[in-house]
N, C-alpha and C. Protein backbone atom coordinates (compact mmCIF):
# COMPACT_ATOMS: atom_id res chain seq x y z
N MET A 1 -4.00 -4.65 5.23
CA MET A 1 -3.28 -3.99 6.30
C MET A 1 -1.79 -3.98 5.95
N LEU A 2 -1.18 -2.83 6.06
CA LEU A 2 0.26 -2.70 5.90
C LEU A 2 0.84 -2.57 7.31
N ASP A 3 1.36 -3.66 7.81
CA ASP A 3 1.88 -3.71 9.18
C ASP A 3 3.11 -2.82 9.31
N VAL A 4 3.22 -2.14 10.42
CA VAL A 4 4.34 -1.23 10.66
C VAL A 4 5.69 -1.94 10.55
N ALA A 5 5.76 -3.20 10.95
CA ALA A 5 7.03 -3.94 10.95
C ALA A 5 7.44 -4.44 9.57
N GLY A 6 6.57 -4.31 8.58
CA GLY A 6 6.87 -4.90 7.27
C GLY A 6 7.61 -4.02 6.29
N TRP A 7 7.97 -2.79 6.67
CA TRP A 7 8.65 -1.90 5.73
C TRP A 7 10.16 -2.13 5.77
N PRO A 8 10.76 -2.56 4.66
CA PRO A 8 12.22 -2.71 4.63
C PRO A 8 12.89 -1.34 4.51
N SER A 9 14.19 -1.30 4.66
CA SER A 9 14.92 -0.03 4.66
C SER A 9 14.84 0.72 3.33
N ASP A 10 14.56 0.03 2.22
CA ASP A 10 14.46 0.74 0.94
C ASP A 10 13.09 1.35 0.71
N ARG A 11 12.19 1.19 1.67
CA ARG A 11 10.85 1.78 1.68
C ARG A 11 9.94 1.30 0.55
N HIS A 12 10.21 0.14 0.02
CA HIS A 12 9.34 -0.52 -0.96
C HIS A 12 8.77 -1.76 -0.30
N ARG A 13 7.48 -1.94 -0.41
CA ARG A 13 6.85 -3.08 0.25
C ARG A 13 5.87 -3.75 -0.69
N ILE A 14 5.99 -5.05 -0.85
CA ILE A 14 5.09 -5.81 -1.71
C ILE A 14 4.03 -6.46 -0.83
N ALA A 15 2.77 -6.19 -1.16
CA ALA A 15 1.64 -6.75 -0.42
C ALA A 15 0.88 -7.71 -1.31
N ALA A 16 0.57 -8.89 -0.80
CA ALA A 16 -0.22 -9.86 -1.54
C ALA A 16 -1.67 -9.39 -1.57
N VAL A 17 -2.25 -9.33 -2.78
CA VAL A 17 -3.63 -8.89 -2.95
C VAL A 17 -4.31 -9.82 -3.94
N GLU A 18 -5.22 -10.63 -3.43
CA GLU A 18 -5.92 -11.59 -4.28
C GLU A 18 -6.75 -10.85 -5.33
N GLY A 19 -6.65 -11.29 -6.57
CA GLY A 19 -7.45 -10.73 -7.65
C GLY A 19 -6.75 -9.67 -8.48
N VAL A 20 -5.64 -9.14 -7.99
CA VAL A 20 -4.90 -8.14 -8.76
C VAL A 20 -4.10 -8.84 -9.86
N THR A 21 -4.14 -8.25 -11.05
CA THR A 21 -3.30 -8.73 -12.15
C THR A 21 -2.42 -7.57 -12.60
N ASP A 22 -1.54 -7.84 -13.53
CA ASP A 22 -0.68 -6.75 -14.01
C ASP A 22 -1.40 -5.84 -14.99
N THR A 23 -2.63 -6.18 -15.38
CA THR A 23 -3.35 -5.36 -16.36
C THR A 23 -4.67 -4.77 -15.86
N ASN A 24 -5.20 -5.22 -14.72
CA ASN A 24 -6.48 -4.65 -14.29
C ASN A 24 -6.28 -3.29 -13.61
N THR A 25 -7.36 -2.56 -13.46
CA THR A 25 -7.32 -1.26 -12.82
C THR A 25 -7.63 -1.44 -11.33
N VAL A 26 -6.77 -0.86 -10.49
CA VAL A 26 -6.94 -0.97 -9.05
C VAL A 26 -6.98 0.44 -8.46
N ILE A 27 -8.03 0.73 -7.71
CA ILE A 27 -8.15 2.01 -7.02
C ILE A 27 -7.74 1.77 -5.57
N VAL A 28 -6.75 2.52 -5.10
CA VAL A 28 -6.18 2.33 -3.76
C VAL A 28 -6.39 3.61 -2.95
N THR A 29 -6.97 3.47 -1.76
CA THR A 29 -7.15 4.60 -0.85
C THR A 29 -6.93 4.15 0.58
N PRO A 30 -6.45 5.04 1.43
CA PRO A 30 -6.32 4.67 2.84
C PRO A 30 -7.69 4.64 3.50
N ALA A 31 -7.85 3.78 4.49
CA ALA A 31 -9.06 3.77 5.30
C ALA A 31 -9.09 5.06 6.12
N PRO A 32 -10.27 5.52 6.53
CA PRO A 32 -10.37 6.79 7.26
C PRO A 32 -9.40 6.90 8.44
N GLU A 33 -9.22 5.82 9.19
CA GLU A 33 -8.33 5.89 10.36
C GLU A 33 -6.85 5.96 9.99
N SER A 34 -6.51 5.75 8.72
CA SER A 34 -5.11 5.77 8.29
C SER A 34 -4.77 6.95 7.39
N ILE A 35 -5.74 7.81 7.08
CA ILE A 35 -5.51 8.91 6.13
C ILE A 35 -4.36 9.81 6.56
N GLY A 36 -4.32 10.22 7.82
CA GLY A 36 -3.28 11.13 8.29
C GLY A 36 -1.88 10.57 8.11
N THR A 37 -1.65 9.38 8.60
CA THR A 37 -0.33 8.76 8.50
C THR A 37 0.02 8.43 7.06
N TYR A 38 -0.93 7.95 6.30
CA TYR A 38 -0.73 7.60 4.88
C TYR A 38 -0.22 8.83 4.12
N GLY A 39 -0.89 9.97 4.33
CA GLY A 39 -0.49 11.19 3.65
C GLY A 39 0.82 11.76 4.18
N LYS A 40 0.97 11.78 5.50
CA LYS A 40 2.17 12.34 6.12
C LYS A 40 3.43 11.57 5.71
N CYS A 41 3.29 10.27 5.52
CA CYS A 41 4.43 9.43 5.16
C CYS A 41 4.60 9.27 3.65
N GLY A 42 3.70 9.85 2.87
CA GLY A 42 3.82 9.78 1.42
C GLY A 42 3.69 8.38 0.86
N VAL A 43 2.77 7.60 1.41
CA VAL A 43 2.58 6.21 0.97
C VAL A 43 1.75 6.21 -0.31
N TYR A 44 2.14 5.39 -1.26
CA TYR A 44 1.34 5.21 -2.48
C TYR A 44 1.62 3.85 -3.09
N ALA A 45 0.66 3.38 -3.89
CA ALA A 45 0.84 2.13 -4.63
C ALA A 45 1.60 2.48 -5.91
N ALA A 46 2.80 1.93 -6.07
CA ALA A 46 3.67 2.29 -7.18
C ALA A 46 3.64 1.31 -8.33
N ALA A 47 3.28 0.06 -8.06
CA ALA A 47 3.29 -0.96 -9.11
C ALA A 47 2.34 -2.08 -8.74
N GLN A 48 1.95 -2.84 -9.75
CA GLN A 48 1.10 -4.00 -9.50
C GLN A 48 1.60 -5.15 -10.35
N GLY A 49 1.33 -6.36 -9.87
CA GLY A 49 1.69 -7.58 -10.58
C GLY A 49 0.64 -8.63 -10.30
N GLU A 50 0.89 -9.83 -10.73
CA GLU A 50 -0.06 -10.92 -10.49
C GLU A 50 -0.15 -11.19 -8.99
N GLY A 51 -1.28 -10.80 -8.39
CA GLY A 51 -1.52 -11.06 -6.97
C GLY A 51 -0.79 -10.15 -6.01
N SER A 52 -0.30 -8.99 -6.49
CA SER A 52 0.44 -8.13 -5.58
C SER A 52 0.36 -6.65 -5.96
N LEU A 53 0.54 -5.81 -4.96
CA LEU A 53 0.73 -4.38 -5.13
C LEU A 53 2.02 -4.00 -4.42
N THR A 54 2.79 -3.12 -5.03
CA THR A 54 4.00 -2.62 -4.41
C THR A 54 3.73 -1.22 -3.88
N PHE A 55 3.93 -1.04 -2.59
CA PHE A 55 3.75 0.26 -1.96
C PHE A 55 5.11 0.88 -1.69
N VAL A 56 5.16 2.20 -1.79
CA VAL A 56 6.37 2.97 -1.54
C VAL A 56 6.01 4.06 -0.54
N CYS A 57 6.97 4.47 0.28
CA CYS A 57 6.72 5.58 1.20
C CYS A 57 7.92 6.51 1.22
N ALA A 58 7.67 7.80 1.45
CA ALA A 58 8.74 8.78 1.59
C ALA A 58 9.36 8.70 2.99
N LYS A 59 8.53 8.39 3.97
CA LYS A 59 8.96 8.25 5.36
C LYS A 59 8.31 6.99 5.91
N GLN A 60 9.07 6.18 6.61
CA GLN A 60 8.52 4.93 7.12
C GLN A 60 7.44 5.20 8.17
N PRO A 61 6.23 4.65 7.98
CA PRO A 61 5.16 4.84 8.97
C PRO A 61 5.54 4.25 10.33
N GLU A 62 5.05 4.89 11.38
CA GLU A 62 5.30 4.41 12.73
C GLU A 62 4.10 3.67 13.30
N GLU A 63 3.10 3.44 12.45
CA GLU A 63 1.93 2.65 12.84
C GLU A 63 1.45 1.88 11.62
N SER A 64 0.71 0.81 11.87
CA SER A 64 0.16 0.02 10.78
C SER A 64 -0.90 0.83 10.04
N LEU A 65 -1.02 0.58 8.74
CA LEU A 65 -1.98 1.29 7.90
C LEU A 65 -3.02 0.33 7.35
N THR A 66 -4.26 0.78 7.32
CA THR A 66 -5.31 0.02 6.67
C THR A 66 -5.57 0.69 5.32
N VAL A 67 -5.52 -0.11 4.26
CA VAL A 67 -5.67 0.40 2.91
C VAL A 67 -6.83 -0.32 2.24
N ASN A 68 -7.69 0.43 1.56
CA ASN A 68 -8.81 -0.14 0.82
C ASN A 68 -8.43 -0.22 -0.66
N MET A 69 -8.80 -1.33 -1.30
CA MET A 69 -8.51 -1.51 -2.71
C MET A 69 -9.77 -1.96 -3.44
N LEU A 70 -10.01 -1.35 -4.59
CA LEU A 70 -11.14 -1.73 -5.44
C LEU A 70 -10.56 -2.15 -6.78
N ILE A 71 -10.81 -3.39 -7.15
CA ILE A 71 -10.35 -3.90 -8.45
C ILE A 71 -11.50 -3.70 -9.43
N VAL A 72 -11.23 -2.96 -10.48
CA VAL A 72 -12.26 -2.63 -11.47
C VAL A 72 -12.16 -3.58 -12.65
């Protein structure tokens, strides 16, 4: 879950994600209930590191987003 209150003014947000490394493949998609806001706000996963994904948005979401992640 990307909580609405967690977006800083620079629109980059680091989310803790267990199992993510800097070298594995991660497929990221919004949950069905978040597709509209996710797309409208231009949210995407821009980087990954040990135990984290960095999300960026073009416009700050006005509601929390549910994001699904598959680590391959």
